[in-house]
Amino acid sequence: MNETGCSRKADAIVGALFLAVGVAILPAAWPSTPLGAVTAAALVGGLGLEAIIAALRGRRSLLSRIGPLP
């Protein structure tokens, strides 16, 4: 199934948002839980980076495979 350019653009935007949130987690959570902050930032940022790469390659990202969320 081919995705439209709009869908890939939306995946890239959501990926960039997740990547930005992953970077924002570090300074916000670092003082209380350094290991938790790094873990959360790596997971969220990794999903964002994967979504951007998937959009560039024209395939579905892991975030888009989760399904419709309420």
PDB file of N, CA and C in Angstrom:
ATOM      1  N   MET A   1       0.834  -1.166   0.000  1.00  0.00           N
ATOM      2  CA  MET A   1       0.000   0.000   0.000  1.00  0.00           C
ATOM      3  C   MET A   1       0.888   1.241   0.000  1.00  0.00           C
ATOM      4  N   ASN A   2       0.679   2.114  -0.965  1.00  0.00           N
ATOM      5  CA  ASN A   2       1.467   3.337  -1.062  1.00  0.00           C
ATOM      6  C   ASN A   2       0.887   4.413  -0.178  1.00  0.00           C
ATOM      7  N   GLU A   3       1.765   5.135   0.470  1.00  0.00           N
ATOM      8  CA  GLU A   3       1.331   6.257   1.287  1.00  0.00           C
ATOM      9  C   GLU A   3       1.401   7.522   0.457  1.00  0.00           C
ATOM     10  N   THR A   4       0.543   8.451   0.797  1.00  0.00           N
ATOM     11  CA  THR A   4       0.586   9.730   0.094  1.00  0.00           C
ATOM     12  C   THR A   4       1.680  10.595   0.671  1.00  0.00           C
ATOM     13  N   GLY A   5       2.047  11.626  -0.050  1.00  0.00           N
ATOM     14  CA  GLY A   5       3.062  12.551   0.432  1.00  0.00           C
ATOM     15  C   GLY A   5       2.629  13.258   1.701  1.00  0.00           C
ATOM     16  N   CYS A   6       1.338  13.513   1.822  1.00  0.00           N
ATOM     17  CA  CYS A   6       0.817  14.179   3.008  1.00  0.00           C
ATOM     18  C   CYS A   6       0.993  13.304   4.244  1.00  0.00           C
ATOM     19  N   SER A   7       0.772  12.012   4.099  1.00  0.00           N
ATOM     20  CA  SER A   7       0.921  11.100   5.226  1.00  0.00           C
ATOM     21  C   SER A   7       2.383  11.028   5.666  1.00  0.00           C
ATOM     22  N   ARG A   8       3.289  10.991   4.718  1.00  0.00           N
ATOM     23  CA  ARG A   8       4.711  10.966   5.066  1.00  0.00           C
ATOM     24  C   ARG A   8       5.142  12.269   5.724  1.00  0.00           C
ATOM     25  N   LYS A   9       4.574  13.368   5.257  1.00  0.00           N
ATOM     26  CA  LYS A   9       4.887  14.658   5.855  1.00  0.00           C
ATOM     27  C   LYS A   9       4.369  14.698   7.290  1.00  0.00           C
ATOM     28  N   ALA A  10       3.191  14.162   7.527  1.00  0.00           N
ATOM     29  CA  ALA A  10       2.638  14.117   8.881  1.00  0.00           C
ATOM     30  C   ALA A  10       3.492  13.230   9.784  1.00  0.00           C
ATOM     31  N   ASP A  11       3.972  12.105   9.260  1.00  0.00           N
ATOM     32  CA  ASP A  11       4.856  11.236  10.044  1.00  0.00           C
ATOM     33  C   ASP A  11       6.144  11.968  10.413  1.00  0.00           C
ATOM     34  N   ALA A  12       6.674  12.747   9.488  1.00  0.00           N
ATOM     35  CA  ALA A  12       7.903  13.497   9.768  1.00  0.00           C
ATOM     36  C   ALA A  12       7.657  14.577  10.817  1.00  0.00           C
ATOM     37  N   ILE A  13       6.503  15.222  10.761  1.00  0.00           N
ATOM     38  CA  ILE A  13       6.180  16.256  11.746  1.00  0.00           C
ATOM     39  C   ILE A  13       6.003  15.641  13.125  1.00  0.00           C
ATOM     40  N   VAL A  14       5.283  14.535  13.207  1.00  0.00           N
ATOM     41  CA  VAL A  14       5.095  13.856  14.488  1.00  0.00           C
ATOM     42  C   VAL A  14       6.436  13.337  14.998  1.00  0.00           C
ATOM     43  N   GLY A  15       7.264  12.842  14.099  1.00  0.00           N
ATOM     44  CA  GLY A  15       8.594  12.386  14.486  1.00  0.00           C
ATOM     45  C   GLY A  15       9.435  13.510  15.054  1.00  0.00           C
ATOM     46  N   ALA A  16       9.378  14.674  14.424  1.00  0.00           N
ATOM     47  CA  ALA A  16      10.125  15.826  14.928  1.00  0.00           C
ATOM     48  C   ALA A  16       9.601  16.258  16.296  1.00  0.00           C
ATOM     49  N   LEU A  17       8.292  16.166  16.487  1.00  0.00           N
ATOM     50  CA  LEU A  17       7.707  16.503  17.780  1.00  0.00           C
ATOM     51  C   LEU A  17       8.197  15.542  18.863  1.00  0.00           C
ATOM     52  N   PHE A  18       8.181  14.245  18.570  1.00  0.00           N
ATOM     53  CA  PHE A  18       8.656  13.256  19.531  1.00  0.00           C
ATOM     54  C   PHE A  18      10.151  13.440  19.818  1.00  0.00           C
ATOM     55  N   LEU A  19      10.917  13.768  18.809  1.00  0.00           N
ATOM     56  CA  LEU A  19      12.346  14.008  19.002  1.00  0.00           C
ATOM     57  C   LEU A  19      12.567  15.225  19.904  1.00  0.00           C
ATOM     58  N   ALA A  20      11.797  16.283  19.695  1.00  0.00           N
ATOM     59  CA  ALA A  20      11.908  17.477  20.534  1.00  0.00           C
ATOM     60  C   ALA A  20      11.487  17.183  21.976  1.00  0.00           C
ATOM     61  N   VAL A  21      10.436  16.392  22.143  1.00  0.00           N
ATOM     62  CA  VAL A  21      10.002  16.027  23.495  1.00  0.00           C
ATOM     63  C   VAL A  21      11.070  15.180  24.176  1.00  0.00           C
ATOM     64  N   GLY A  22      11.692  14.296  23.435  1.00  0.00           N
ATOM     65  CA  GLY A  22      12.768  13.479  24.000  1.00  0.00           C
ATOM     66  C   GLY A  22      13.922  14.330  24.486  1.00  0.00           C
ATOM     67  N   VAL A  23      14.261  15.361  23.734  1.00  0.00           N
ATOM     68  CA  VAL A  23      15.340  16.265  24.150  1.00  0.00           C
ATOM     69  C   VAL A  23      14.894  17.099  25.352  1.00  0.00           C
ATOM     70  N   ALA A  24      13.624  17.492  25.405  1.00  0.00           N
ATOM     71  CA  ALA A  24      13.117  18.312  26.510  1.00  0.00           C
ATOM     72  C   ALA A  24      13.009  17.520  27.811  1.00  0.00           C
ATOM     73  N   ILE A  25      12.893  16.221  27.728  1.00  0.00           N
ATOM     74  CA  ILE A  25      12.782  15.390  28.932  1.00  0.00           C
ATOM     75  C   ILE A  25      14.067  15.452  29.752  1.00  0.00           C
ATOM     76  N   LEU A  26      15.202  15.489  29.098  1.00  0.00           N
ATOM     77  CA  LEU A  26      16.478  15.447  29.814  1.00  0.00           C
ATOM     78  C   LEU A  26      16.635  16.545  30.868  1.00  0.00           C
ATOM     79  N   PRO A  27      16.548  17.818  30.504  1.00  0.00           N
ATOM     80  CA  PRO A  27      16.735  18.834  31.552  1.00  0.00           C
ATOM     81  C   PRO A  27      15.589  18.882  32.557  1.00  0.00           C
ATOM     82  N   ALA A  28      14.392  18.476  32.138  1.00  0.00           N
ATOM     83  CA  ALA A  28      13.248  18.542  33.042  1.00  0.00           C
ATOM     84  C   ALA A  28      13.313  17.475  34.128  1.00  0.00           C
ATOM     85  N   ALA A  29      13.793  16.289  33.796  1.00  0.00           N
ATOM     86  CA  ALA A  29      13.771  15.175  34.750  1.00  0.00           C
ATOM     87  C   ALA A  29      15.146  14.822  35.305  1.00  0.00           C
ATOM     88  N   TRP A  30      16.194  15.434  34.807  1.00  0.00           N
ATOM     89  CA  TRP A  30      17.545  15.055  35.204  1.00  0.00           C
ATOM     90  C   TRP A  30      17.812  15.190  36.702  1.00  0.00           C
ATOM     91  N   PRO A  31      17.450  16.291  37.356  1.00  0.00           N
ATOM     92  CA  PRO A  31      17.826  16.434  38.769  1.00  0.00           C
ATOM     93  C   PRO A  31      17.244  15.342  39.675  1.00  0.00           C
ATOM     94  N   SER A  32      16.049  14.888  39.389  1.00  0.00           N
ATOM     95  CA  SER A  32      15.425  13.909  40.278  1.00  0.00           C
ATOM     96  C   SER A  32      15.805  12.480  39.928  1.00  0.00           C
ATOM     97  N   THR A  33      15.802  12.136  38.671  1.00  0.00           N
ATOM     98  CA  THR A  33      16.102  10.756  38.263  1.00  0.00           C
ATOM     99  C   THR A  33      16.942  10.752  36.998  1.00  0.00           C
ATOM    100  N   PRO A  34      18.267  10.800  37.114  1.00  0.00           N
ATOM    101  CA  PRO A  34      19.113  10.841  35.911  1.00  0.00           C
ATOM    102  C   PRO A  34      18.950   9.613  35.011  1.00  0.00           C
ATOM    103  N   LEU A  35      18.905   8.418  35.608  1.00  0.00           N
ATOM    104  CA  LEU A  35      18.770   7.211  34.792  1.00  0.00           C
ATOM    105  C   LEU A  35      17.405   7.160  34.114  1.00  0.00           C
ATOM    106  N   GLY A  36      16.370   7.544  34.825  1.00  0.00           N
ATOM    107  CA  GLY A  36      15.022   7.571  34.247  1.00  0.00           C
ATOM    108  C   GLY A  36      14.906   8.596  33.138  1.00  0.00           C
ATOM    109  N   ALA A  37      15.557   9.738  33.327  1.00  0.00           N
ATOM    110  CA  ALA A  37      15.507  10.786  32.306  1.00  0.00           C
ATOM    111  C   ALA A  37      16.172  10.325  31.022  1.00  0.00           C
ATOM    112  N   VAL A  38      17.324   9.693  31.153  1.00  0.00           N
ATOM    113  CA  VAL A  38      18.039   9.214  29.964  1.00  0.00           C
ATOM    114  C   VAL A  38      17.242   8.113  29.274  1.00  0.00           C
ATOM    115  N   THR A  39      16.657   7.223  30.051  1.00  0.00           N
ATOM    116  CA  THR A  39      15.864   6.136  29.478  1.00  0.00           C
ATOM    117  C   THR A  39      14.644   6.675  28.739  1.00  0.00           C
ATOM    118  N   ALA A  40      13.900   7.571  29.379  1.00  0.00           N
ATOM    119  CA  ALA A  40      12.710   8.142  28.750  1.00  0.00           C
ATOM    120  C   ALA A  40      13.070   8.949  27.511  1.00  0.00           C
ATOM    121  N   ALA A  41      14.124   9.741  27.602  1.00  0.00           N
ATOM    122  CA  ALA A  41      14.543  10.543  26.456  1.00  0.00           C
ATOM    123  C   ALA A  41      14.978   9.656  25.297  1.00  0.00           C
ATOM    124  N   ALA A  42      15.672   8.561  25.597  1.00  0.00           N
ATOM    125  CA  ALA A  42      16.117   7.649  24.541  1.00  0.00           C
ATOM    126  C   ALA A  42      14.924   6.967  23.870  1.00  0.00           C
ATOM    127  N   LEU A  43      13.944   6.555  24.650  1.00  0.00           N
ATOM    128  CA  LEU A  43      12.772   5.880  24.073  1.00  0.00           C
ATOM    129  C   LEU A  43      11.940   6.839  23.218  1.00  0.00           C
ATOM    130  N   VAL A  44      11.594   7.980  23.777  1.00  0.00           N
ATOM    131  CA  VAL A  44      10.747   8.928  23.052  1.00  0.00           C
ATOM    132  C   VAL A  44      11.495   9.517  21.851  1.00  0.00           C
ATOM    133  N   GLY A  45      12.742   9.918  22.070  1.00  0.00           N
ATOM    134  CA  GLY A  45      13.533  10.465  20.971  1.00  0.00           C
ATOM    135  C   GLY A  45      13.823   9.435  19.893  1.00  0.00           C
ATOM    136  N   GLY A  46      14.046   8.194  20.308  1.00  0.00           N
ATOM    137  CA  GLY A  46      14.270   7.122  19.336  1.00  0.00           C
ATOM    138  C   GLY A  46      13.058   6.867  18.454  1.00  0.00           C
ATOM    139  N   LEU A  47      11.878   6.909  19.061  1.00  0.00           N
ATOM    140  CA  LEU A  47      10.652   6.756  18.262  1.00  0.00           C
ATOM    141  C   LEU A  47      10.493   7.916  17.281  1.00  0.00           C
ATOM    142  N   GLY A  48      10.840   9.109  17.723  1.00  0.00           N
ATOM    143  CA  GLY A  48      10.758  10.262  16.833  1.00  0.00           C
ATOM    144  C   GLY A  48      11.737  10.173  15.680  1.00  0.00           C
ATOM    145  N   LEU A  49      12.958   9.783  15.987  1.00  0.00           N
ATOM    146  CA  LEU A  49      13.971   9.632  14.944  1.00  0.00           C
ATOM    147  C   LEU A  49      13.580   8.538  13.956  1.00  0.00           C
ATOM    148  N   GLU A  50      13.023   7.443  14.467  1.00  0.00           N
ATOM    149  CA  GLU A  50      12.585   6.356  13.585  1.00  0.00           C
ATOM    150  C   GLU A  50      11.451   6.818  12.678  1.00  0.00           C
ATOM    151  N   ALA A  51      10.544   7.654  13.191  1.00  0.00           N
ATOM    152  CA  ALA A  51       9.438   8.166  12.374  1.00  0.00           C
ATOM    153  C   ALA A  51       9.958   9.077  11.259  1.00  0.00           C
ATOM    154  N   ILE A  52      10.952   9.887  11.561  1.00  0.00           N
ATOM    155  CA  ILE A  52      11.528  10.764  10.538  1.00  0.00           C
ATOM    156  C   ILE A  52      12.216   9.936   9.457  1.00  0.00           C
ATOM    157  N   ILE A  53      12.991   8.956   9.869  1.00  0.00           N
ATOM    158  CA  ILE A  53      13.679   8.092   8.902  1.00  0.00           C
ATOM    159  C   ILE A  53      12.675   7.318   8.060  1.00  0.00           C
ATOM    160  N   ALA A  54      11.617   6.823   8.693  1.00  0.00           N
ATOM    161  CA  ALA A  54      10.588   6.088   7.951  1.00  0.00           C
ATOM    162  C   ALA A  54       9.909   6.994   6.927  1.00  0.00           C
ATOM    163  N   ALA A  55       9.656   8.241   7.293  1.00  0.00           N
ATOM    164  CA  ALA A  55       9.030   9.171   6.353  1.00  0.00           C
ATOM    165  C   ALA A  55       9.948   9.442   5.162  1.00  0.00           C
ATOM    166  N   LEU A  56      11.235   9.569   5.423  1.00  0.00           N
ATOM    167  CA  LEU A  56      12.179   9.807   4.331  1.00  0.00           C
ATOM    168  C   LEU A  56      12.289   8.603   3.405  1.00  0.00           C
ATOM    169  N   ARG A  57      12.168   7.412   3.973  1.00  0.00           N
ATOM    170  CA  ARG A  57      12.278   6.189   3.170  1.00  0.00           C
ATOM    171  C   ARG A  57      10.941   5.765   2.562  1.00  0.00           C
ATOM    172  N   GLY A  58       9.855   6.417   2.937  1.00  0.00           N
ATOM    173  CA  GLY A  58       8.552   6.108   2.365  1.00  0.00           C
ATOM    174  C   GLY A  58       7.915   4.847   2.916  1.00  0.00           C
ATOM    175  N   ARG A  59       8.164   4.548   4.170  1.00  0.00           N
ATOM    176  CA  ARG A  59       7.526   3.381   4.778  1.00  0.00           C
ATOM    177  C   ARG A  59       6.810   3.799   6.051  1.00  0.00           C
ATOM    178  N   ARG A  60       6.031   2.897   6.618  1.00  0.00           N
ATOM    179  CA  ARG A  60       5.277   3.196   7.833  1.00  0.00           C
ATOM    180  C   ARG A  60       6.206   3.185   9.041  1.00  0.00           C
ATOM    181  N   SER A  61       5.996   4.130   9.932  1.00  0.00           N
ATOM    182  CA  SER A  61       6.807   4.201  11.143  1.00  0.00           C
ATOM    183  C   SER A  61       6.187   3.334  12.236  1.00  0.00           C
ATOM    184  N   LEU A  62       6.960   3.085  13.284  1.00  0.00           N
ATOM    185  CA  LEU A  62       6.430   2.336  14.415  1.00  0.00           C
ATOM    186  C   LEU A  62       5.282   3.075  15.071  1.00  0.00           C
ATOM    187  N   LEU A  63       5.368   4.389  15.133  1.00  0.00           N
ATOM    188  CA  LEU A  63       4.276   5.174  15.722  1.00  0.00           C
ATOM    189  C   LEU A  63       2.990   5.031  14.934  1.00  0.00           C
ATOM    190  N   SER A  64       3.069   4.947  13.627  1.00  0.00           N
ATOM    191  CA  SER A  64       1.848   4.825  12.821  1.00  0.00           C
ATOM    192  C   SER A  64       1.261   3.429  12.897  1.00  0.00           C
ATOM    193  N   ARG A  65       2.041   2.460  13.330  1.00  0.00           N
ATOM    194  CA  ARG A  65       1.537   1.083  13.436  1.00  0.00           C
ATOM    195  C   ARG A  65       0.803   0.823  14.737  1.00  0.00           C
ATOM    196  N   ILE A  66       0.882   1.765  15.679  1.00  0.00           N
ATOM    197  CA  ILE A  66       0.183   1.601  16.940  1.00  0.00           C
ATOM    198  C   ILE A  66      -1.322   1.520  16.710  1.00  0.00           C
ATOM    199  N   GLY A  67      -1.797   2.252  15.758  1.00  0.00           N
ATOM    200  CA  GLY A  67      -3.226   2.244  15.453  1.00  0.00           C
ATOM    201  C   GLY A  67      -3.866   3.538  15.895  1.00  0.00           C
ATOM    202  N   PRO A  68      -5.134   3.670  15.608  1.00  0.00           N
ATOM    203  CA  PRO A  68      -5.819   4.908  16.010  1.00  0.00           C
ATOM    204  C   PRO A  68      -5.962   4.957  17.528  1.00  0.00           C
ATOM    205  N   LEU A  69      -5.465   6.037  18.091  1.00  0.00           N
ATOM    206  CA  LEU A  69      -5.578   6.224  19.527  1.00  0.00           C
ATOM    207  C   LEU A  69      -6.720   7.187  19.814  1.00  0.00           C
ATOM    208  N   PRO A  70      -7.372   7.021  20.941  1.00  0.00           N
ATOM    209  CA  PRO A  70      -8.519   7.914  21.246  1.00  0.00           C
ATOM    210  C   PRO A  70      -8.087   9.333  21.482  1.00  0.00           C
TER     211      PRO A  70
END
